[in-house]
C-alpha cells in the first residue's frame, strides 16, 4: 500500500467494509473492478462504501445493460494524476465512474441509478459518475 493510502487508512479516511466472501452478494461486479487504477497503492473494493456497492448492483439490474467501471477508489497520487478534485469522492471510496458508449446506454445507466436511489450523478459524453458522499448535497450535473 502506498504511504498516502496507508496514512489515510490509519487516520480513518478509509473504512474497510467488505471481504471477498462478503462480496459474493454482488451479481454484476467483481472485486477487481473497484481497484485503484494506479496499480501501486493496493486500494480496492475493501475501501468502497458498502451502500454504494449494494445500490450499484441494484442499479445495474434495473438498467438491464452492463456497467463497466472505469474508476472507483483512488489513492491521492492517482487522483492527482488523472486531474481529480482534491475533494473527490473517489478518494473516500464513495464514487464510481461507469463507461457509456452512446446516448442510449447513458440514458439506461442514469435511469437505473436514479431508480436505485442515487442522488448524486454526473453525466459526461463517455461516462457517468455516481457517488454517495455524505458531505455533499444531492445533485445532477453535466461535465
N, C-alpha and C. Protein backbone atom coordinates (compact mmCIF):
# COMPACT_ATOMS: atom_id res chain seq x y z
N UNK A 1 0.86 -1.17 0.00
CA UNK A 1 0.00 0.00 0.00
C UNK A 1 0.90 1.23 0.00
N UNK A 2 0.55 2.23 -0.79
CA UNK A 2 1.37 3.44 -0.86
C UNK A 2 1.30 4.19 0.48
N UNK A 3 2.31 4.98 0.80
CA UNK A 3 2.33 5.68 2.09
C UNK A 3 1.11 6.57 2.34
N UNK A 4 0.63 7.26 1.30
CA UNK A 4 -0.53 8.13 1.48
C UNK A 4 -1.77 7.31 1.81
N UNK A 5 -1.96 6.20 1.09
CA UNK A 5 -3.11 5.35 1.36
C UNK A 5 -3.04 4.77 2.76
N UNK A 6 -1.87 4.34 3.16
CA UNK A 6 -1.68 3.77 4.50
C UNK A 6 -1.97 4.83 5.56
N UNK A 7 -1.47 6.02 5.34
CA UNK A 7 -1.71 7.11 6.29
C UNK A 7 -3.20 7.40 6.38
N UNK A 8 -3.88 7.50 5.24
CA UNK A 8 -5.32 7.77 5.24
C UNK A 8 -6.09 6.67 5.94
N UNK A 9 -5.67 5.42 5.74
CA UNK A 9 -6.35 4.31 6.40
C UNK A 9 -6.27 4.46 7.91
N UNK A 10 -5.08 4.73 8.42
CA UNK A 10 -4.92 4.83 9.86
C UNK A 10 -5.55 6.10 10.43
N UNK A 11 -5.74 7.09 9.61
CA UNK A 11 -6.42 8.30 10.06
C UNK A 11 -7.94 8.15 9.99
N UNK A 12 -8.38 7.02 9.45
CA UNK A 12 -9.82 6.76 9.40
C UNK A 12 -10.51 7.28 8.16
N UNK A 13 -9.74 7.77 7.18
CA UNK A 13 -10.37 8.29 5.98
C UNK A 13 -11.03 7.14 5.20
N UNK A 14 -10.41 5.97 5.20
CA UNK A 14 -10.98 4.80 4.55
C UNK A 14 -11.49 3.86 5.62
N UNK A 15 -12.54 3.19 5.31
CA UNK A 15 -13.07 2.23 6.24
C UNK A 15 -13.35 0.94 5.50
N UNK A 16 -12.52 -0.10 5.73
CA UNK A 16 -12.78 -1.37 5.06
C UNK A 16 -14.19 -1.87 5.40
N UNK A 17 -14.92 -2.31 4.40
CA UNK A 17 -16.29 -2.73 4.63
C UNK A 17 -16.57 -4.14 4.13
N UNK A 18 -15.73 -4.68 3.27
CA UNK A 18 -16.02 -5.97 2.66
C UNK A 18 -14.83 -6.91 2.71
N UNK A 19 -15.12 -8.17 2.69
CA UNK A 19 -14.13 -9.20 2.45
C UNK A 19 -14.53 -9.85 1.13
N UNK A 20 -13.66 -10.66 0.55
CA UNK A 20 -14.02 -11.33 -0.70
C UNK A 20 -15.27 -12.18 -0.52
N UNK A 21 -15.39 -12.83 0.62
CA UNK A 21 -16.56 -13.67 0.89
C UNK A 21 -17.84 -12.83 0.93
N UNK A 22 -17.78 -11.70 1.58
CA UNK A 22 -18.95 -10.83 1.68
C UNK A 22 -19.32 -10.24 0.33
N UNK A 23 -18.36 -10.16 -0.58
CA UNK A 23 -18.61 -9.59 -1.91
C UNK A 23 -19.47 -10.51 -2.76
N UNK A 24 -19.67 -11.75 -2.33
CA UNK A 24 -20.39 -12.73 -3.14
C UNK A 24 -21.85 -12.34 -3.41
N UNK A 25 -22.40 -11.41 -2.63
CA UNK A 25 -23.78 -10.98 -2.87
C UNK A 25 -23.89 -10.14 -4.14
N UNK A 26 -22.77 -9.64 -4.64
CA UNK A 26 -22.79 -8.82 -5.86
C UNK A 26 -23.01 -9.73 -7.07
N UNK A 27 -24.02 -9.44 -7.84
CA UNK A 27 -24.35 -10.26 -9.01
C UNK A 27 -23.70 -9.77 -10.30
N UNK A 28 -23.31 -8.50 -10.33
CA UNK A 28 -22.89 -7.91 -11.60
C UNK A 28 -21.45 -7.37 -11.61
N UNK A 29 -20.74 -7.50 -10.51
CA UNK A 29 -19.40 -6.93 -10.42
C UNK A 29 -18.44 -7.89 -9.74
N UNK A 30 -17.15 -7.67 -9.98
CA UNK A 30 -16.11 -8.43 -9.30
C UNK A 30 -15.25 -7.46 -8.50
N UNK A 31 -14.58 -7.93 -7.46
CA UNK A 31 -13.73 -7.04 -6.66
C UNK A 31 -12.69 -6.29 -7.49
N UNK A 32 -12.15 -6.94 -8.51
CA UNK A 32 -11.10 -6.33 -9.34
C UNK A 32 -11.55 -5.00 -9.98
N UNK A 33 -12.83 -4.87 -10.27
CA UNK A 33 -13.34 -3.67 -10.94
C UNK A 33 -13.22 -2.42 -10.08
N UNK A 34 -13.05 -2.58 -8.77
CA UNK A 34 -13.04 -1.43 -7.86
C UNK A 34 -11.64 -1.06 -7.38
N UNK A 35 -10.60 -1.63 -7.97
CA UNK A 35 -9.22 -1.31 -7.59
C UNK A 35 -8.83 0.08 -8.09
N UNK A 36 -7.95 0.72 -7.32
CA UNK A 36 -7.35 1.97 -7.79
C UNK A 36 -6.55 1.64 -9.04
N UNK A 37 -6.68 2.47 -10.05
CA UNK A 37 -6.04 2.20 -11.34
C UNK A 37 -4.55 2.57 -11.39
N UNK A 38 -4.00 3.07 -10.27
CA UNK A 38 -2.57 3.41 -10.28
C UNK A 38 -1.71 2.15 -10.38
N UNK A 39 -2.25 1.04 -9.86
CA UNK A 39 -1.51 -0.22 -9.91
C UNK A 39 -0.43 -0.37 -8.85
N UNK A 40 -0.33 0.58 -7.93
CA UNK A 40 0.74 0.53 -6.93
C UNK A 40 0.24 0.58 -5.49
N UNK A 41 -0.84 1.25 -5.24
CA UNK A 41 -1.23 1.54 -3.85
C UNK A 41 -1.91 0.38 -3.13
N UNK A 42 -2.55 -0.50 -3.86
CA UNK A 42 -3.22 -1.62 -3.22
C UNK A 42 -4.64 -1.35 -2.77
N UNK A 43 -5.16 -0.15 -3.01
CA UNK A 43 -6.54 0.13 -2.63
C UNK A 43 -7.49 -0.64 -3.54
N UNK A 44 -8.58 -1.14 -2.96
CA UNK A 44 -9.54 -1.90 -3.74
C UNK A 44 -10.92 -1.82 -3.15
N UNK A 45 -11.74 -2.82 -3.48
CA UNK A 45 -13.15 -2.78 -3.08
C UNK A 45 -13.32 -2.70 -1.57
N UNK A 46 -12.33 -3.15 -0.80
CA UNK A 46 -12.42 -3.09 0.65
C UNK A 46 -12.57 -1.66 1.16
N UNK A 47 -12.18 -0.70 0.35
CA UNK A 47 -12.23 0.71 0.75
C UNK A 47 -13.42 1.44 0.14
N UNK A 48 -14.31 0.68 -0.50
CA UNK A 48 -15.50 1.27 -1.09
C UNK A 48 -16.63 1.25 -0.06
N UNK A 49 -17.50 2.23 -0.14
CA UNK A 49 -18.66 2.30 0.75
C UNK A 49 -19.62 1.15 0.44
N UNK A 50 -20.04 0.43 1.47
CA UNK A 50 -20.92 -0.73 1.29
C UNK A 50 -22.24 -0.34 0.64
N UNK A 51 -22.82 0.77 1.06
CA UNK A 51 -24.09 1.22 0.48
C UNK A 51 -23.97 1.52 -1.00
N UNK A 52 -22.87 2.13 -1.38
CA UNK A 52 -22.63 2.41 -2.80
C UNK A 52 -22.63 1.12 -3.60
N UNK A 53 -21.92 0.11 -3.12
CA UNK A 53 -21.82 -1.15 -3.86
C UNK A 53 -23.16 -1.87 -3.95
N UNK A 54 -23.91 -1.89 -2.87
CA UNK A 54 -25.23 -2.54 -2.87
C UNK A 54 -26.15 -1.86 -3.88
N UNK A 55 -26.22 -0.53 -3.82
CA UNK A 55 -27.10 0.20 -4.73
C UNK A 55 -26.61 0.15 -6.18
N UNK A 56 -25.30 0.10 -6.37
CA UNK A 56 -24.76 -0.01 -7.72
C UNK A 56 -25.18 -1.33 -8.36
N UNK A 57 -25.13 -2.41 -7.59
CA UNK A 57 -25.57 -3.70 -8.10
C UNK A 57 -27.06 -3.67 -8.45
N UNK A 58 -27.86 -3.01 -7.61
CA UNK A 58 -29.29 -2.87 -7.89
C UNK A 58 -29.51 -2.03 -9.15
N UNK A 59 -28.75 -0.96 -9.29
CA UNK A 59 -28.89 -0.08 -10.47
C UNK A 59 -28.57 -0.84 -11.75
N UNK A 60 -27.54 -1.68 -11.70
CA UNK A 60 -27.16 -2.48 -12.87
C UNK A 60 -28.31 -3.40 -13.27
N UNK A 61 -28.94 -4.02 -12.28
CA UNK A 61 -30.07 -4.91 -12.56
C UNK A 61 -31.23 -4.13 -13.18
N UNK A 62 -31.54 -2.98 -12.62
CA UNK A 62 -32.63 -2.15 -13.13
C UNK A 62 -32.35 -1.67 -14.55
N UNK A 63 -31.12 -1.24 -14.80
CA UNK A 63 -30.76 -0.68 -16.11
C UNK A 63 -30.82 -1.73 -17.22
N UNK A 64 -30.47 -2.95 -16.90
CA UNK A 64 -30.50 -4.01 -17.91
C UNK A 64 -29.38 -3.93 -18.94
N UNK A 65 -28.36 -3.13 -18.65
CA UNK A 65 -27.19 -3.05 -19.53
C UNK A 65 -25.93 -3.20 -18.67
N UNK A 66 -24.85 -3.70 -19.25
CA UNK A 66 -23.62 -3.85 -18.47
C UNK A 66 -23.10 -2.50 -17.98
N UNK A 67 -22.56 -2.49 -16.77
CA UNK A 67 -21.88 -1.32 -16.22
C UNK A 67 -20.39 -1.65 -16.22
N UNK A 68 -19.62 -0.89 -16.98
CA UNK A 68 -18.17 -1.05 -16.97
C UNK A 68 -17.59 0.04 -16.10
N UNK A 69 -17.07 -0.34 -14.94
CA UNK A 69 -16.49 0.63 -14.01
C UNK A 69 -15.12 1.05 -14.53
N UNK A 70 -14.98 2.35 -14.78
CA UNK A 70 -13.70 2.87 -15.29
C UNK A 70 -12.87 3.53 -14.20
N UNK A 71 -13.51 3.89 -13.09
CA UNK A 71 -12.80 4.48 -11.96
C UNK A 71 -13.61 4.25 -10.71
N UNK A 72 -12.93 3.81 -9.65
CA UNK A 72 -13.60 3.60 -8.37
C UNK A 72 -12.76 4.30 -7.30
N UNK A 73 -12.33 3.57 -6.28
CA UNK A 73 -11.50 4.20 -5.25
C UNK A 73 -10.18 4.64 -5.89
N UNK A 74 -9.67 5.77 -5.45
CA UNK A 74 -8.39 6.31 -5.95
C UNK A 74 -7.52 6.72 -4.78
N UNK A 75 -6.23 6.41 -4.88
CA UNK A 75 -5.30 6.98 -3.91
C UNK A 75 -5.10 8.45 -4.30
N UNK A 76 -4.58 9.23 -3.40
CA UNK A 76 -4.42 10.66 -3.68
C UNK A 76 -3.49 10.90 -4.86
N UNK A 77 -2.43 10.09 -4.99
CA UNK A 77 -1.48 10.26 -6.10
C UNK A 77 -2.18 10.03 -7.44
N UNK A 78 -2.96 8.96 -7.54
CA UNK A 78 -3.66 8.67 -8.79
C UNK A 78 -4.72 9.73 -9.07
N UNK A 79 -5.41 10.17 -8.03
CA UNK A 79 -6.42 11.21 -8.21
C UNK A 79 -5.78 12.47 -8.79
N UNK A 80 -4.62 12.83 -8.30
CA UNK A 80 -3.90 14.00 -8.83
C UNK A 80 -3.49 13.76 -10.27
N UNK A 81 -2.98 12.56 -10.57
CA UNK A 81 -2.53 12.24 -11.93
C UNK A 81 -3.64 12.29 -12.96
N UNK A 82 -4.87 11.96 -12.56
CA UNK A 82 -5.98 11.99 -13.52
C UNK A 82 -6.71 13.32 -13.51
N UNK A 83 -6.21 14.28 -12.73
CA UNK A 83 -6.83 15.60 -12.70
C UNK A 83 -8.07 15.68 -11.83
N UNK A 84 -8.20 14.75 -10.87
CA UNK A 84 -9.35 14.75 -9.98
C UNK A 84 -9.31 15.89 -8.98
N UNK A 85 -10.45 16.25 -8.49
CA UNK A 85 -10.57 17.30 -7.49
C UNK A 85 -9.93 16.84 -6.18
N UNK A 86 -9.31 17.76 -5.44
CA UNK A 86 -8.76 17.40 -4.13
C UNK A 86 -9.83 16.90 -3.16
N UNK A 87 -11.10 17.24 -3.41
CA UNK A 87 -12.19 16.77 -2.55
C UNK A 87 -12.99 15.65 -3.23
N UNK A 88 -12.38 14.98 -4.19
CA UNK A 88 -13.05 13.92 -4.94
C UNK A 88 -13.62 12.84 -4.03
N UNK A 89 -14.82 12.42 -4.33
CA UNK A 89 -15.45 11.33 -3.59
C UNK A 89 -14.78 10.00 -3.88
N UNK A 90 -14.05 9.91 -4.97
CA UNK A 90 -13.29 8.70 -5.29
C UNK A 90 -12.24 8.42 -4.22
N UNK A 91 -11.63 9.47 -3.68
CA UNK A 91 -10.57 9.32 -2.66
C UNK A 91 -11.12 8.65 -1.41
N UNK A 92 -12.39 8.90 -1.11
CA UNK A 92 -13.00 8.36 0.10
C UNK A 92 -13.75 7.04 -0.14
N UNK A 93 -13.73 6.55 -1.38
CA UNK A 93 -14.43 5.30 -1.68
C UNK A 93 -15.92 5.45 -1.83
N UNK A 94 -16.37 6.68 -2.09
CA UNK A 94 -17.80 6.95 -2.22
C UNK A 94 -18.25 7.09 -3.67
N UNK A 95 -17.37 6.87 -4.66
CA UNK A 95 -17.75 7.16 -6.05
C UNK A 95 -17.24 6.12 -7.03
N UNK A 96 -17.97 5.99 -8.14
CA UNK A 96 -17.52 5.22 -9.29
C UNK A 96 -17.89 5.98 -10.56
N UNK A 97 -17.11 5.73 -11.60
CA UNK A 97 -17.43 6.20 -12.94
C UNK A 97 -17.76 4.98 -13.78
N UNK A 98 -18.78 5.09 -14.61
CA UNK A 98 -19.26 3.99 -15.43
C UNK A 98 -19.18 4.41 -16.89
N UNK A 99 -18.56 3.58 -17.73
CA UNK A 99 -18.42 3.89 -19.16
C UNK A 99 -19.79 3.91 -19.82
N UNK A 100 -19.97 4.87 -20.75
CA UNK A 100 -21.19 4.97 -21.55
C UNK A 100 -20.79 5.15 -23.00
N UNK A 101 -21.08 4.16 -23.82
CA UNK A 101 -20.59 4.18 -25.21
C UNK A 101 -21.45 5.03 -26.15
N UNK A 102 -22.73 5.26 -25.76
CA UNK A 102 -23.61 6.06 -26.61
C UNK A 102 -24.74 6.66 -25.78
N UNK A 103 -25.57 7.48 -26.43
CA UNK A 103 -26.67 8.15 -25.74
C UNK A 103 -27.66 7.17 -25.10
N UNK A 104 -27.97 6.12 -25.82
CA UNK A 104 -28.95 5.14 -25.33
C UNK A 104 -28.43 4.44 -24.06
N UNK A 105 -27.19 3.97 -24.10
CA UNK A 105 -26.65 3.30 -22.92
C UNK A 105 -26.54 4.28 -21.75
N UNK A 106 -26.12 5.51 -22.04
CA UNK A 106 -26.01 6.53 -20.99
C UNK A 106 -27.36 6.76 -20.31
N UNK A 107 -28.42 6.85 -21.11
CA UNK A 107 -29.77 7.05 -20.56
C UNK A 107 -30.17 5.87 -19.69
N UNK A 108 -29.88 4.65 -20.13
CA UNK A 108 -30.23 3.45 -19.35
C UNK A 108 -29.46 3.41 -18.03
N UNK A 109 -28.19 3.78 -18.07
CA UNK A 109 -27.38 3.82 -16.85
C UNK A 109 -27.95 4.83 -15.86
N UNK A 110 -28.22 6.04 -16.34
CA UNK A 110 -28.76 7.09 -15.46
C UNK A 110 -30.12 6.68 -14.90
N UNK A 111 -30.98 6.12 -15.73
CA UNK A 111 -32.29 5.67 -15.26
C UNK A 111 -32.13 4.62 -14.16
N UNK A 112 -31.24 3.66 -14.37
CA UNK A 112 -31.00 2.63 -13.36
C UNK A 112 -30.49 3.22 -12.06
N UNK A 113 -29.57 4.18 -12.15
CA UNK A 113 -29.01 4.81 -10.95
C UNK A 113 -30.08 5.57 -10.17
N UNK A 114 -30.89 6.35 -10.87
CA UNK A 114 -31.95 7.13 -10.21
C UNK A 114 -32.96 6.18 -9.55
N UNK A 115 -33.38 5.15 -10.28
CA UNK A 115 -34.36 4.22 -9.73
C UNK A 115 -33.82 3.38 -8.58
N UNK A 116 -32.51 3.24 -8.49
CA UNK A 116 -31.89 2.52 -7.36
C UNK A 116 -31.69 3.43 -6.16
N UNK A 117 -31.99 4.73 -6.33
CA UNK A 117 -31.94 5.65 -5.20
C UNK A 117 -30.75 6.59 -5.15
N UNK A 118 -29.91 6.59 -6.18
CA UNK A 118 -28.77 7.51 -6.18
C UNK A 118 -29.25 8.94 -6.40
N UNK A 119 -28.60 9.89 -5.69
CA UNK A 119 -28.99 11.29 -5.76
C UNK A 119 -27.84 12.22 -6.11
N UNK A 120 -26.67 11.65 -6.46
CA UNK A 120 -25.53 12.46 -6.92
C UNK A 120 -25.00 11.80 -8.19
N UNK A 121 -25.33 12.40 -9.34
CA UNK A 121 -24.99 11.81 -10.64
C UNK A 121 -24.43 12.89 -11.55
N UNK A 122 -23.27 12.61 -12.13
CA UNK A 122 -22.65 13.50 -13.10
C UNK A 122 -22.63 12.81 -14.45
N UNK A 123 -23.03 13.53 -15.49
CA UNK A 123 -23.17 12.92 -16.81
C UNK A 123 -22.18 13.56 -17.78
N UNK A 124 -21.34 12.72 -18.39
CA UNK A 124 -20.37 13.16 -19.40
C UNK A 124 -20.65 12.40 -20.69
N UNK A 125 -19.94 12.76 -21.74
CA UNK A 125 -20.17 12.11 -23.04
C UNK A 125 -19.80 10.63 -23.01
N UNK A 126 -18.72 10.28 -22.31
CA UNK A 126 -18.24 8.90 -22.35
C UNK A 126 -18.37 8.14 -21.02
N UNK A 127 -18.90 8.79 -20.00
CA UNK A 127 -19.06 8.10 -18.71
C UNK A 127 -20.14 8.78 -17.87
N UNK A 128 -20.56 8.05 -16.83
CA UNK A 128 -21.49 8.57 -15.84
C UNK A 128 -20.82 8.41 -14.48
N UNK A 129 -20.77 9.49 -13.72
CA UNK A 129 -20.22 9.47 -12.37
C UNK A 129 -21.39 9.34 -11.39
N UNK A 130 -21.19 8.52 -10.36
CA UNK A 130 -22.20 8.42 -9.30
C UNK A 130 -21.47 8.33 -7.97
N UNK A 131 -22.00 9.03 -6.97
CA UNK A 131 -21.40 8.93 -5.64
C UNK A 131 -22.45 9.05 -4.55
N UNK A 132 -22.03 8.65 -3.35
CA UNK A 132 -22.90 8.69 -2.17
C UNK A 132 -22.22 9.47 -1.05
N UNK A 133 -21.42 10.44 -1.41
CA UNK A 133 -20.64 11.20 -0.44
C UNK A 133 -21.57 11.94 0.52
N UNK A 134 -21.53 11.59 1.82
CA UNK A 134 -22.43 12.23 2.78
C UNK A 134 -22.09 13.70 3.05
N UNK A 135 -20.91 14.14 2.63
CA UNK A 135 -20.51 15.53 2.84
C UNK A 135 -20.93 16.45 1.70
N UNK A 136 -21.63 15.90 0.70
CA UNK A 136 -22.04 16.68 -0.47
C UNK A 136 -23.55 16.56 -0.66
N UNK A 137 -24.15 17.63 -1.16
CA UNK A 137 -25.61 17.64 -1.34
C UNK A 137 -26.02 16.89 -2.60
N UNK A 138 -27.28 16.50 -2.66
CA UNK A 138 -27.83 15.83 -3.83
C UNK A 138 -27.70 16.75 -5.03
N UNK A 139 -27.35 16.18 -6.17
CA UNK A 139 -27.19 16.99 -7.39
C UNK A 139 -27.10 16.09 -8.61
N UNK A 140 -27.45 16.67 -9.76
CA UNK A 140 -27.21 16.03 -11.04
C UNK A 140 -26.57 17.11 -11.91
N UNK A 141 -25.45 16.77 -12.56
CA UNK A 141 -24.73 17.76 -13.33
C UNK A 141 -24.22 17.16 -14.62
N UNK A 142 -23.80 18.02 -15.53
CA UNK A 142 -23.23 17.62 -16.81
C UNK A 142 -21.81 18.14 -16.86
N UNK A 143 -20.89 17.30 -17.33
CA UNK A 143 -19.48 17.70 -17.49
C UNK A 143 -19.32 18.40 -18.81
